[in-house]
Amino acid sequence: MSIHIKNADDIAQMRVACRLASEVLDYITPFVKPGITTGEIDRLCHAYMRDVQGTVPAPLNYAPPGYPPFPGAICTSVNDVICHGIPGERVLKSGDAINLDITVITKEGYYGDTSRMFIVGEGSILAKRLAQVTFECMWKGIMQVRPGAHLGDIGHVIQVHAEGAGYSVVREYCGHGIGKNFHEDPQVL
């Protein structure tokens, strides 16, 4: 896949799609508490996308070559699951950390992709620290986005901050572009 240079209309449509994806996270926030299953979170998000927003959940039935179709409308990665966790019967308990990955497709065909980490109930000091450091990493990466910068600057500043806080980065997964395709180039390592 090659990088598609976006025009002003593309950028405006991408902003709408990303705002809609973030609204799903805002909607689901009060439901993320001890006792709910990841499957119920998925069901609630799917209904909100379909019935309130008129969007389509991009992960649902997504099947890259060599993989079975993804069964959920969202990804629910609990505790040690790095990403792309499959929603199901797992009941959240106080202290769990869960990342909800939301990707919507608008009627116009644009993808909006975002995620948020939640600490369920009373989290441990370590869970809260991980959430704080990853949040800081995100903002440090965002601050690198400007004319004349290089994509490697984003990954570099994130890696330096994470490692400085005693964490490591996962090299098997990366950031990616958005637009009218799921996981567009460029891939951001």
N, C-alpha and C. Protein backbone atom coordinates (compact mmCIF):
# COMPACT_ATOMS: atom_id res chain seq x y z
N MET A 1 0.84 -1.17 0.00
CA MET A 1 0.00 0.00 0.00
C MET A 1 0.89 1.24 0.00
N SER A 2 0.47 2.26 -0.70
CA SER A 2 1.25 3.50 -0.72
C SER A 2 0.51 4.57 0.07
N ILE A 3 1.23 5.62 0.40
CA ILE A 3 0.65 6.71 1.18
C ILE A 3 -0.22 7.55 0.26
N HIS A 4 -1.45 7.77 0.67
CA HIS A 4 -2.37 8.63 -0.07
C HIS A 4 -2.32 10.02 0.56
N ILE A 5 -1.94 11.01 -0.23
CA ILE A 5 -1.89 12.38 0.28
C ILE A 5 -3.32 12.91 0.37
N LYS A 6 -3.69 13.37 1.54
CA LYS A 6 -5.06 13.81 1.80
C LYS A 6 -5.24 15.27 1.40
N ASN A 7 -6.42 15.56 0.84
CA ASN A 7 -6.77 16.95 0.55
C ASN A 7 -7.59 17.52 1.71
N ALA A 8 -8.02 18.77 1.59
CA ALA A 8 -8.72 19.43 2.70
C ALA A 8 -10.01 18.70 3.05
N ASP A 9 -10.74 18.19 2.05
CA ASP A 9 -11.98 17.47 2.32
C ASP A 9 -11.70 16.16 3.05
N ASP A 10 -10.66 15.43 2.61
CA ASP A 10 -10.28 14.19 3.30
C ASP A 10 -9.99 14.47 4.78
N ILE A 11 -9.23 15.51 5.04
CA ILE A 11 -8.84 15.84 6.41
C ILE A 11 -10.08 16.19 7.24
N ALA A 12 -11.01 16.95 6.65
CA ALA A 12 -12.24 17.29 7.37
C ALA A 12 -13.05 16.03 7.67
N GLN A 13 -13.14 15.12 6.70
CA GLN A 13 -13.89 13.87 6.91
C GLN A 13 -13.21 12.98 7.94
N MET A 14 -11.88 12.97 7.95
CA MET A 14 -11.14 12.18 8.94
C MET A 14 -11.37 12.74 10.34
N ARG A 15 -11.45 14.05 10.47
CA ARG A 15 -11.73 14.66 11.77
C ARG A 15 -13.10 14.23 12.29
N VAL A 16 -14.08 14.21 11.39
CA VAL A 16 -15.42 13.77 11.78
C VAL A 16 -15.37 12.32 12.25
N ALA A 17 -14.71 11.45 11.47
CA ALA A 17 -14.64 10.03 11.82
C ALA A 17 -13.94 9.82 13.16
N CYS A 18 -12.86 10.53 13.40
CA CYS A 18 -12.13 10.38 14.66
C CYS A 18 -12.93 10.94 15.83
N ARG A 19 -13.66 12.02 15.61
CA ARG A 19 -14.52 12.56 16.67
C ARG A 19 -15.60 11.53 17.03
N LEU A 20 -16.18 10.89 16.02
CA LEU A 20 -17.20 9.88 16.28
C LEU A 20 -16.62 8.70 17.07
N ALA A 21 -15.42 8.27 16.71
CA ALA A 21 -14.78 7.17 17.45
C ALA A 21 -14.55 7.58 18.91
N SER A 22 -14.10 8.81 19.12
CA SER A 22 -13.87 9.26 20.49
C SER A 22 -15.17 9.39 21.27
N GLU A 23 -16.26 9.70 20.59
CA GLU A 23 -17.56 9.78 21.26
C GLU A 23 -18.01 8.41 21.76
N VAL A 24 -17.63 7.35 21.06
CA VAL A 24 -17.95 6.01 21.54
C VAL A 24 -17.25 5.77 22.88
N LEU A 25 -15.99 6.18 22.98
CA LEU A 25 -15.26 6.03 24.24
C LEU A 25 -15.91 6.85 25.35
N ASP A 26 -16.34 8.06 25.03
CA ASP A 26 -17.02 8.88 26.04
C ASP A 26 -18.32 8.21 26.48
N TYR A 27 -19.07 7.67 25.52
CA TYR A 27 -20.33 6.99 25.84
C TYR A 27 -20.11 5.80 26.77
N ILE A 28 -19.10 4.98 26.49
CA ILE A 28 -18.93 3.72 27.22
C ILE A 28 -18.28 3.92 28.60
N THR A 29 -17.64 5.04 28.84
CA THR A 29 -16.90 5.26 30.08
C THR A 29 -17.69 4.90 31.35
N PRO A 30 -18.93 5.36 31.53
CA PRO A 30 -19.61 5.02 32.80
C PRO A 30 -19.95 3.54 32.96
N PHE A 31 -19.88 2.77 31.88
CA PHE A 31 -20.19 1.34 31.95
C PHE A 31 -18.98 0.49 32.32
N VAL A 32 -17.78 1.06 32.21
CA VAL A 32 -16.56 0.30 32.49
C VAL A 32 -16.35 0.28 33.99
N LYS A 33 -16.89 -0.77 34.61
CA LYS A 33 -16.81 -0.91 36.06
C LYS A 33 -16.85 -2.39 36.41
N PRO A 34 -16.49 -2.73 37.63
CA PRO A 34 -16.49 -4.13 38.03
C PRO A 34 -17.85 -4.79 37.77
N GLY A 35 -17.81 -6.04 37.25
CA GLY A 35 -19.01 -6.82 37.03
C GLY A 35 -19.49 -6.88 35.59
N ILE A 36 -19.05 -5.96 34.74
CA ILE A 36 -19.46 -5.99 33.34
C ILE A 36 -18.53 -6.92 32.56
N THR A 37 -19.06 -7.57 31.55
CA THR A 37 -18.20 -8.42 30.70
C THR A 37 -17.68 -7.61 29.53
N THR A 38 -16.58 -8.08 28.97
CA THR A 38 -16.05 -7.41 27.78
C THR A 38 -17.03 -7.56 26.62
N GLY A 39 -17.79 -8.65 26.60
CA GLY A 39 -18.81 -8.84 25.57
C GLY A 39 -19.93 -7.82 25.68
N GLU A 40 -20.33 -7.48 26.90
CA GLU A 40 -21.37 -6.47 27.09
C GLU A 40 -20.86 -5.09 26.68
N ILE A 41 -19.62 -4.79 26.98
CA ILE A 41 -19.03 -3.52 26.53
C ILE A 41 -19.06 -3.47 25.01
N ASP A 42 -18.69 -4.57 24.36
CA ASP A 42 -18.71 -4.66 22.90
C ASP A 42 -20.13 -4.43 22.37
N ARG A 43 -21.11 -5.09 22.98
CA ARG A 43 -22.50 -4.97 22.53
C ARG A 43 -22.99 -3.52 22.66
N LEU A 44 -22.68 -2.89 23.79
CA LEU A 44 -23.10 -1.50 24.00
C LEU A 44 -22.45 -0.56 22.98
N CYS A 45 -21.16 -0.74 22.74
CA CYS A 45 -20.46 0.10 21.76
C CYS A 45 -21.03 -0.10 20.36
N HIS A 46 -21.27 -1.37 20.00
CA HIS A 46 -21.81 -1.67 18.67
C HIS A 46 -23.18 -1.01 18.49
N ALA A 47 -24.04 -1.14 19.49
CA ALA A 47 -25.37 -0.54 19.40
C ALA A 47 -25.28 0.99 19.27
N TYR A 48 -24.38 1.59 20.03
CA TYR A 48 -24.20 3.04 19.95
C TYR A 48 -23.74 3.46 18.55
N MET A 49 -22.76 2.75 18.02
CA MET A 49 -22.28 3.07 16.67
C MET A 49 -23.41 2.96 15.65
N ARG A 50 -24.08 1.83 15.68
CA ARG A 50 -25.12 1.53 14.69
C ARG A 50 -26.35 2.43 14.85
N ASP A 51 -26.87 2.50 16.08
CA ASP A 51 -28.17 3.12 16.30
C ASP A 51 -28.12 4.62 16.55
N VAL A 52 -27.06 5.11 17.16
CA VAL A 52 -26.96 6.53 17.49
C VAL A 52 -26.14 7.28 16.43
N GLN A 53 -24.99 6.72 16.07
CA GLN A 53 -24.09 7.43 15.15
C GLN A 53 -24.34 7.12 13.68
N GLY A 54 -24.86 5.94 13.38
CA GLY A 54 -24.98 5.51 11.99
C GLY A 54 -23.63 5.14 11.39
N THR A 55 -22.70 4.71 12.26
CA THR A 55 -21.39 4.27 11.78
C THR A 55 -21.33 2.75 11.82
N VAL A 56 -20.26 2.21 11.23
CA VAL A 56 -20.03 0.77 11.19
C VAL A 56 -18.75 0.48 11.97
N PRO A 57 -18.74 -0.56 12.82
CA PRO A 57 -17.51 -0.90 13.53
C PRO A 57 -16.54 -1.61 12.58
N ALA A 58 -15.40 -0.99 12.36
CA ALA A 58 -14.43 -1.53 11.40
C ALA A 58 -13.88 -2.92 11.77
N PRO A 59 -13.65 -3.23 13.05
CA PRO A 59 -13.08 -4.54 13.35
C PRO A 59 -14.01 -5.73 13.07
N LEU A 60 -15.33 -5.50 13.16
CA LEU A 60 -16.28 -6.60 13.05
C LEU A 60 -16.14 -7.31 11.69
N ASN A 61 -15.77 -8.56 11.75
CA ASN A 61 -15.56 -9.43 10.58
C ASN A 61 -14.34 -9.04 9.75
N TYR A 62 -13.49 -8.15 10.27
CA TYR A 62 -12.25 -7.81 9.57
C TYR A 62 -11.35 -9.05 9.58
N ALA A 63 -10.82 -9.40 8.42
CA ALA A 63 -10.00 -10.61 8.31
C ALA A 63 -8.82 -10.36 7.39
N PRO A 64 -7.68 -9.92 7.95
CA PRO A 64 -6.49 -9.79 7.10
C PRO A 64 -6.09 -11.18 6.60
N PRO A 65 -5.34 -11.25 5.52
CA PRO A 65 -4.95 -12.56 4.97
C PRO A 65 -4.34 -13.48 6.02
N GLY A 66 -4.85 -14.71 6.08
CA GLY A 66 -4.32 -15.70 7.01
C GLY A 66 -4.96 -15.70 8.38
N TYR A 67 -5.91 -14.81 8.62
CA TYR A 67 -6.55 -14.72 9.94
C TYR A 67 -8.06 -14.93 9.80
N PRO A 68 -8.68 -15.50 10.84
CA PRO A 68 -10.15 -15.62 10.81
C PRO A 68 -10.78 -14.24 11.02
N PRO A 69 -12.03 -14.08 10.65
CA PRO A 69 -12.70 -12.79 10.87
C PRO A 69 -12.75 -12.43 12.35
N PHE A 70 -12.53 -11.17 12.65
CA PHE A 70 -12.59 -10.70 14.04
C PHE A 70 -14.05 -10.67 14.47
N PRO A 71 -14.38 -11.27 15.63
CA PRO A 71 -15.78 -11.41 16.01
C PRO A 71 -16.40 -10.22 16.74
N GLY A 72 -15.62 -9.20 17.07
CA GLY A 72 -16.15 -8.10 17.86
C GLY A 72 -16.23 -6.79 17.11
N ALA A 73 -17.04 -5.88 17.66
CA ALA A 73 -17.15 -4.54 17.11
C ALA A 73 -16.00 -3.65 17.59
N ILE A 74 -15.40 -4.04 18.71
CA ILE A 74 -14.27 -3.30 19.29
C ILE A 74 -13.24 -4.31 19.78
N CYS A 75 -12.07 -3.83 20.13
CA CYS A 75 -11.06 -4.67 20.76
C CYS A 75 -11.04 -4.34 22.25
N THR A 76 -11.00 -5.39 23.09
CA THR A 76 -11.01 -5.23 24.54
C THR A 76 -9.79 -5.95 25.11
N SER A 77 -8.74 -5.23 25.35
CA SER A 77 -7.48 -5.82 25.80
C SER A 77 -7.32 -5.61 27.30
N VAL A 78 -7.43 -6.72 28.05
CA VAL A 78 -7.43 -6.66 29.51
C VAL A 78 -6.05 -7.05 30.05
N ASN A 79 -5.55 -6.25 30.98
CA ASN A 79 -4.32 -6.50 31.73
C ASN A 79 -3.13 -6.76 30.81
N ASP A 80 -2.64 -8.00 30.73
CA ASP A 80 -1.42 -8.29 29.97
C ASP A 80 -1.63 -8.44 28.47
N VAL A 81 -2.85 -8.31 27.98
CA VAL A 81 -3.10 -8.40 26.54
C VAL A 81 -2.67 -7.08 25.92
N ILE A 82 -1.73 -7.14 24.99
CA ILE A 82 -1.15 -5.92 24.42
C ILE A 82 -2.15 -5.16 23.57
N CYS A 83 -2.81 -5.85 22.66
CA CYS A 83 -3.79 -5.20 21.80
C CYS A 83 -4.64 -6.26 21.10
N HIS A 84 -5.72 -5.80 20.48
CA HIS A 84 -6.61 -6.65 19.68
C HIS A 84 -7.29 -7.75 20.49
N GLY A 85 -7.53 -7.50 21.78
CA GLY A 85 -8.24 -8.47 22.61
C GLY A 85 -9.66 -8.68 22.12
N ILE A 86 -10.12 -9.92 22.19
CA ILE A 86 -11.44 -10.29 21.67
C ILE A 86 -12.46 -10.21 22.80
N PRO A 87 -13.54 -9.44 22.59
CA PRO A 87 -14.58 -9.35 23.61
C PRO A 87 -15.26 -10.71 23.83
N GLY A 88 -15.70 -10.94 25.07
CA GLY A 88 -16.36 -12.21 25.36
C GLY A 88 -16.96 -12.23 26.75
N GLU A 89 -16.82 -13.35 27.41
CA GLU A 89 -17.45 -13.59 28.70
C GLU A 89 -16.62 -13.12 29.90
N ARG A 90 -15.44 -12.60 29.65
CA ARG A 90 -14.60 -12.17 30.77
C ARG A 90 -15.29 -11.06 31.56
N VAL A 91 -15.39 -11.27 32.86
CA VAL A 91 -16.00 -10.29 33.76
C VAL A 91 -14.88 -9.40 34.32
N LEU A 92 -15.05 -8.10 34.19
CA LEU A 92 -14.06 -7.17 34.73
C LEU A 92 -14.18 -7.10 36.23
N LYS A 93 -13.03 -7.04 36.89
CA LYS A 93 -13.00 -6.91 38.34
C LYS A 93 -12.20 -5.67 38.72
N SER A 94 -12.41 -5.21 39.93
CA SER A 94 -11.70 -4.05 40.41
C SER A 94 -10.20 -4.30 40.32
N GLY A 95 -9.49 -3.33 39.78
CA GLY A 95 -8.04 -3.45 39.62
C GLY A 95 -7.61 -3.81 38.22
N ASP A 96 -8.54 -4.31 37.39
CA ASP A 96 -8.17 -4.62 36.00
C ASP A 96 -7.85 -3.33 35.25
N ALA A 97 -6.95 -3.46 34.29
CA ALA A 97 -6.70 -2.40 33.32
C ALA A 97 -7.24 -2.91 31.99
N ILE A 98 -8.00 -2.10 31.30
CA ILE A 98 -8.54 -2.50 30.00
C ILE A 98 -8.35 -1.38 29.01
N ASN A 99 -7.89 -1.75 27.82
CA ASN A 99 -7.78 -0.79 26.73
C ASN A 99 -8.90 -1.10 25.74
N LEU A 100 -9.70 -0.10 25.44
CA LEU A 100 -10.75 -0.25 24.45
C LEU A 100 -10.30 0.44 23.18
N ASP A 101 -10.23 -0.33 22.10
CA ASP A 101 -9.79 0.16 20.79
C ASP A 101 -11.04 0.27 19.92
N ILE A 102 -11.33 1.49 19.50
CA ILE A 102 -12.56 1.80 18.76
C ILE A 102 -12.18 2.30 17.37
N THR A 103 -12.73 1.67 16.35
CA THR A 103 -12.56 2.15 14.98
C THR A 103 -13.92 2.14 14.31
N VAL A 104 -14.36 3.31 13.87
CA VAL A 104 -15.65 3.43 13.17
C VAL A 104 -15.40 3.75 11.70
N ILE A 105 -16.39 3.40 10.88
CA ILE A 105 -16.39 3.80 9.47
C ILE A 105 -17.64 4.64 9.27
N THR A 106 -17.45 5.84 8.74
CA THR A 106 -18.59 6.74 8.51
C THR A 106 -19.32 6.35 7.23
N LYS A 107 -20.49 6.94 7.03
CA LYS A 107 -21.27 6.71 5.80
C LYS A 107 -20.46 7.12 4.57
N GLU A 108 -19.56 8.08 4.76
CA GLU A 108 -18.73 8.56 3.65
C GLU A 108 -17.52 7.66 3.40
N GLY A 109 -17.35 6.64 4.24
CA GLY A 109 -16.26 5.68 4.04
C GLY A 109 -14.95 6.02 4.71
N TYR A 110 -14.95 6.96 5.66
CA TYR A 110 -13.72 7.33 6.36
C TYR A 110 -13.63 6.59 7.68
N TYR A 111 -12.41 6.20 8.04
CA TYR A 111 -12.14 5.49 9.28
C TYR A 111 -11.67 6.46 10.35
N GLY A 112 -12.21 6.29 11.55
CA GLY A 112 -11.73 7.00 12.73
C GLY A 112 -11.28 5.96 13.73
N ASP A 113 -10.06 6.06 14.22
CA ASP A 113 -9.46 5.01 15.05
C ASP A 113 -8.84 5.64 16.29
N THR A 114 -9.23 5.12 17.46
CA THR A 114 -8.68 5.64 18.71
C THR A 114 -8.80 4.57 19.79
N SER A 115 -8.19 4.81 20.91
CA SER A 115 -8.34 3.89 22.04
C SER A 115 -8.16 4.66 23.33
N ARG A 116 -8.57 4.01 24.42
CA ARG A 116 -8.41 4.61 25.74
C ARG A 116 -8.20 3.48 26.74
N MET A 117 -7.29 3.73 27.69
CA MET A 117 -7.07 2.76 28.76
C MET A 117 -7.91 3.19 29.97
N PHE A 118 -8.55 2.20 30.56
CA PHE A 118 -9.36 2.41 31.76
C PHE A 118 -8.79 1.57 32.89
N ILE A 119 -8.84 2.09 34.09
CA ILE A 119 -8.57 1.32 35.29
C ILE A 119 -9.93 1.03 35.91
N VAL A 120 -10.24 -0.23 36.07
CA VAL A 120 -11.56 -0.64 36.57
C VAL A 120 -11.56 -0.56 38.10
N GLY A 121 -12.51 0.19 38.64
CA GLY A 121 -12.59 0.32 40.10
C GLY A 121 -11.32 0.94 40.65
N GLU A 122 -10.85 0.37 41.73
CA GLU A 122 -9.61 0.84 42.36
C GLU A 122 -8.43 0.09 41.76
N GLY A 123 -7.65 0.77 40.99
CA GLY A 123 -6.49 0.15 40.38
C GLY A 123 -5.28 0.21 41.29
N SER A 124 -4.33 -0.65 41.00
CA SER A 124 -3.09 -0.64 41.76
C SER A 124 -2.26 0.57 41.37
N ILE A 125 -1.29 0.88 42.21
CA ILE A 125 -0.37 1.97 41.89
C ILE A 125 0.34 1.69 40.57
N LEU A 126 0.71 0.43 40.34
CA LEU A 126 1.41 0.07 39.10
C LEU A 126 0.52 0.26 37.88
N ALA A 127 -0.76 -0.14 37.98
CA ALA A 127 -1.69 0.03 36.85
C ALA A 127 -1.90 1.51 36.55
N LYS A 128 -2.08 2.30 37.59
CA LYS A 128 -2.26 3.74 37.41
C LYS A 128 -1.02 4.38 36.80
N ARG A 129 0.16 3.92 37.22
CA ARG A 129 1.41 4.46 36.68
C ARG A 129 1.55 4.10 35.20
N LEU A 130 1.23 2.86 34.84
CA LEU A 130 1.29 2.45 33.43
C LEU A 130 0.36 3.32 32.59
N ALA A 131 -0.86 3.53 33.06
CA ALA A 131 -1.81 4.37 32.32
C ALA A 131 -1.28 5.79 32.17
N GLN A 132 -0.67 6.33 33.22
CA GLN A 132 -0.14 7.69 33.17
C GLN A 132 1.03 7.79 32.20
N VAL A 133 1.95 6.85 32.26
CA VAL A 133 3.12 6.91 31.38
C VAL A 133 2.71 6.72 29.92
N THR A 134 1.77 5.83 29.64
CA THR A 134 1.34 5.65 28.24
C THR A 134 0.63 6.90 27.74
N PHE A 135 -0.13 7.56 28.62
CA PHE A 135 -0.79 8.82 28.25
C PHE A 135 0.27 9.88 27.92
N GLU A 136 1.29 9.96 28.74
CA GLU A 136 2.38 10.91 28.48
C GLU A 136 3.08 10.58 27.17
N CYS A 137 3.30 9.28 26.90
CA CYS A 137 3.93 8.87 25.64
C CYS A 137 3.11 9.33 24.45
N MET A 138 1.79 9.17 24.55
CA MET A 138 0.92 9.60 23.45
C MET A 138 1.12 11.08 23.16
N TRP A 139 1.10 11.91 24.20
CA TRP A 139 1.24 13.34 23.99
C TRP A 139 2.63 13.72 23.50
N LYS A 140 3.64 13.02 23.97
CA LYS A 140 4.99 13.29 23.46
C LYS A 140 5.08 12.96 21.98
N GLY A 141 4.43 11.87 21.56
CA GLY A 141 4.39 11.52 20.14
C GLY A 141 3.64 12.56 19.32
N ILE A 142 2.49 12.99 19.82
CA ILE A 142 1.69 14.00 19.13
C ILE A 142 2.48 15.29 18.95
N MET A 143 3.25 15.65 19.96
CA MET A 143 4.02 16.90 19.89
C MET A 143 5.10 16.86 18.80
N GLN A 144 5.42 15.69 18.30
CA GLN A 144 6.42 15.57 17.24
C GLN A 144 5.84 15.81 15.85
N VAL A 145 4.53 15.85 15.75
CA VAL A 145 3.88 15.99 14.45
C VAL A 145 3.88 17.46 14.04
N ARG A 146 4.66 17.73 13.01
CA ARG A 146 4.78 19.10 12.49
C ARG A 146 5.46 19.04 11.14
N PRO A 147 5.32 20.07 10.34
CA PRO A 147 5.99 20.09 9.03
C PRO A 147 7.50 19.93 9.19
N GLY A 148 8.07 19.08 8.37
CA GLY A 148 9.52 18.87 8.36
C GLY A 148 10.00 17.79 9.30
N ALA A 149 9.12 17.30 10.16
CA ALA A 149 9.51 16.23 11.09
C ALA A 149 9.52 14.89 10.36
N HIS A 150 10.14 13.91 10.96
CA HIS A 150 10.20 12.56 10.40
C HIS A 150 9.34 11.63 11.24
N LEU A 151 8.76 10.61 10.61
CA LEU A 151 7.94 9.66 11.34
C LEU A 151 8.71 8.99 12.47
N GLY A 152 9.98 8.73 12.25
CA GLY A 152 10.80 8.10 13.28
C GLY A 152 10.91 8.92 14.54
N ASP A 153 10.71 10.26 14.42
CA ASP A 153 10.75 11.13 15.60
C ASP A 153 9.65 10.77 16.59
N ILE A 154 8.49 10.34 16.06
CA ILE A 154 7.36 9.99 16.92
C ILE A 154 7.72 8.76 17.76
N GLY A 155 8.11 7.69 17.08
CA GLY A 155 8.46 6.46 17.79
C GLY A 155 9.64 6.66 18.73
N HIS A 156 10.60 7.47 18.32
CA HIS A 156 11.79 7.69 19.15
C HIS A 156 11.43 8.34 20.48
N VAL A 157 10.65 9.41 20.44
CA VAL A 157 10.33 10.13 21.68
C VAL A 157 9.48 9.25 22.59
N ILE A 158 8.60 8.43 22.01
CA ILE A 158 7.79 7.52 22.81
C ILE A 158 8.68 6.47 23.48
N GLN A 159 9.59 5.89 22.69
CA GLN A 159 10.47 4.87 23.24
C GLN A 159 11.35 5.43 24.35
N VAL A 160 11.91 6.60 24.14
CA VAL A 160 12.79 7.20 25.16
C VAL A 160 12.01 7.45 26.46
N HIS A 161 10.79 7.97 26.34
CA HIS A 161 10.01 8.26 27.54
C HIS A 161 9.59 6.96 28.24
N ALA A 162 9.12 5.98 27.48
CA ALA A 162 8.70 4.71 28.09
C ALA A 162 9.88 4.03 28.79
N GLU A 163 11.00 3.95 28.12
CA GLU A 163 12.16 3.28 28.72
C GLU A 163 12.70 4.07 29.91
N GLY A 164 12.61 5.39 29.85
CA GLY A 164 13.04 6.22 30.97
C GLY A 164 12.19 6.01 32.22
N ALA A 165 10.96 5.54 32.00
CA ALA A 165 10.06 5.26 33.13
C ALA A 165 10.10 3.79 33.54
N GLY A 166 11.02 3.03 32.92
CA GLY A 166 11.16 1.63 33.29
C GLY A 166 10.32 0.66 32.49
N TYR A 167 9.69 1.12 31.41
CA TYR A 167 8.88 0.27 30.56
C TYR A 167 9.62 -0.01 29.25
N SER A 168 9.05 -0.88 28.45
CA SER A 168 9.60 -1.13 27.12
C SER A 168 8.49 -0.90 26.11
N VAL A 169 8.84 -0.87 24.84
CA VAL A 169 7.85 -0.72 23.77
C VAL A 169 7.68 -2.06 23.06
N VAL A 170 6.50 -2.29 22.55
CA VAL A 170 6.21 -3.51 21.80
C VAL A 170 6.59 -3.27 20.35
N ARG A 171 7.51 -4.03 19.83
CA ARG A 171 7.99 -3.81 18.48
C ARG A 171 7.17 -4.52 17.41
N GLU A 172 6.34 -5.47 17.82
CA GLU A 172 5.56 -6.24 16.86
C GLU A 172 4.36 -5.47 16.32
N TYR A 173 3.96 -4.40 17.00
CA TYR A 173 2.82 -3.59 16.56
C TYR A 173 3.28 -2.15 16.40
N CYS A 174 2.53 -1.39 15.63
CA CYS A 174 2.94 -0.01 15.38
C CYS A 174 1.71 0.87 15.18
N GLY A 175 1.95 2.14 15.07
CA GLY A 175 0.90 3.07 14.71
C GLY A 175 0.69 3.02 13.20
N HIS A 176 -0.35 3.67 12.75
CA HIS A 176 -0.66 3.64 11.33
C HIS A 176 -1.48 4.86 10.95
N GLY A 177 -1.57 5.07 9.65
CA GLY A 177 -2.37 6.17 9.12
C GLY A 177 -3.85 5.81 9.10
N ILE A 178 -4.67 6.82 8.83
CA ILE A 178 -6.10 6.61 8.65
C ILE A 178 -6.53 7.26 7.35
N GLY A 179 -7.74 7.05 6.98
CA GLY A 179 -8.29 7.60 5.75
C GLY A 179 -9.48 6.77 5.33
N LYS A 180 -9.42 6.24 4.10
CA LYS A 180 -10.53 5.43 3.58
C LYS A 180 -10.20 3.94 3.59
N ASN A 181 -9.13 3.56 4.30
CA ASN A 181 -8.77 2.16 4.46
C ASN A 181 -8.40 1.91 5.92
N PHE A 182 -8.60 0.67 6.36
CA PHE A 182 -8.24 0.27 7.71
C PHE A 182 -6.72 0.10 7.75
N HIS A 183 -6.05 0.71 8.70
CA HIS A 183 -4.60 0.59 8.89
C HIS A 183 -3.81 1.06 7.66
N GLU A 184 -4.04 2.27 7.24
CA GLU A 184 -3.33 2.83 6.09
C GLU A 184 -1.87 3.07 6.39
N ASP A 185 -1.09 3.11 5.33
CA ASP A 185 0.27 3.61 5.45
C ASP A 185 0.18 5.10 5.74
N PRO A 186 1.15 5.68 6.40
CA PRO A 186 2.41 5.06 6.79
C PRO A 186 2.27 4.29 8.10
N GLN A 187 3.10 3.28 8.23
CA GLN A 187 3.22 2.55 9.49
C GLN A 187 4.24 3.31 10.34
N VAL A 188 3.91 3.56 11.59
CA VAL A 188 4.77 4.34 12.47
C VAL A 188 5.35 3.40 13.52
N LEU A 189 6.65 3.14 13.41
CA LEU A 189 7.31 2.23 14.34
C LEU A 189 7.72 2.94 15.61
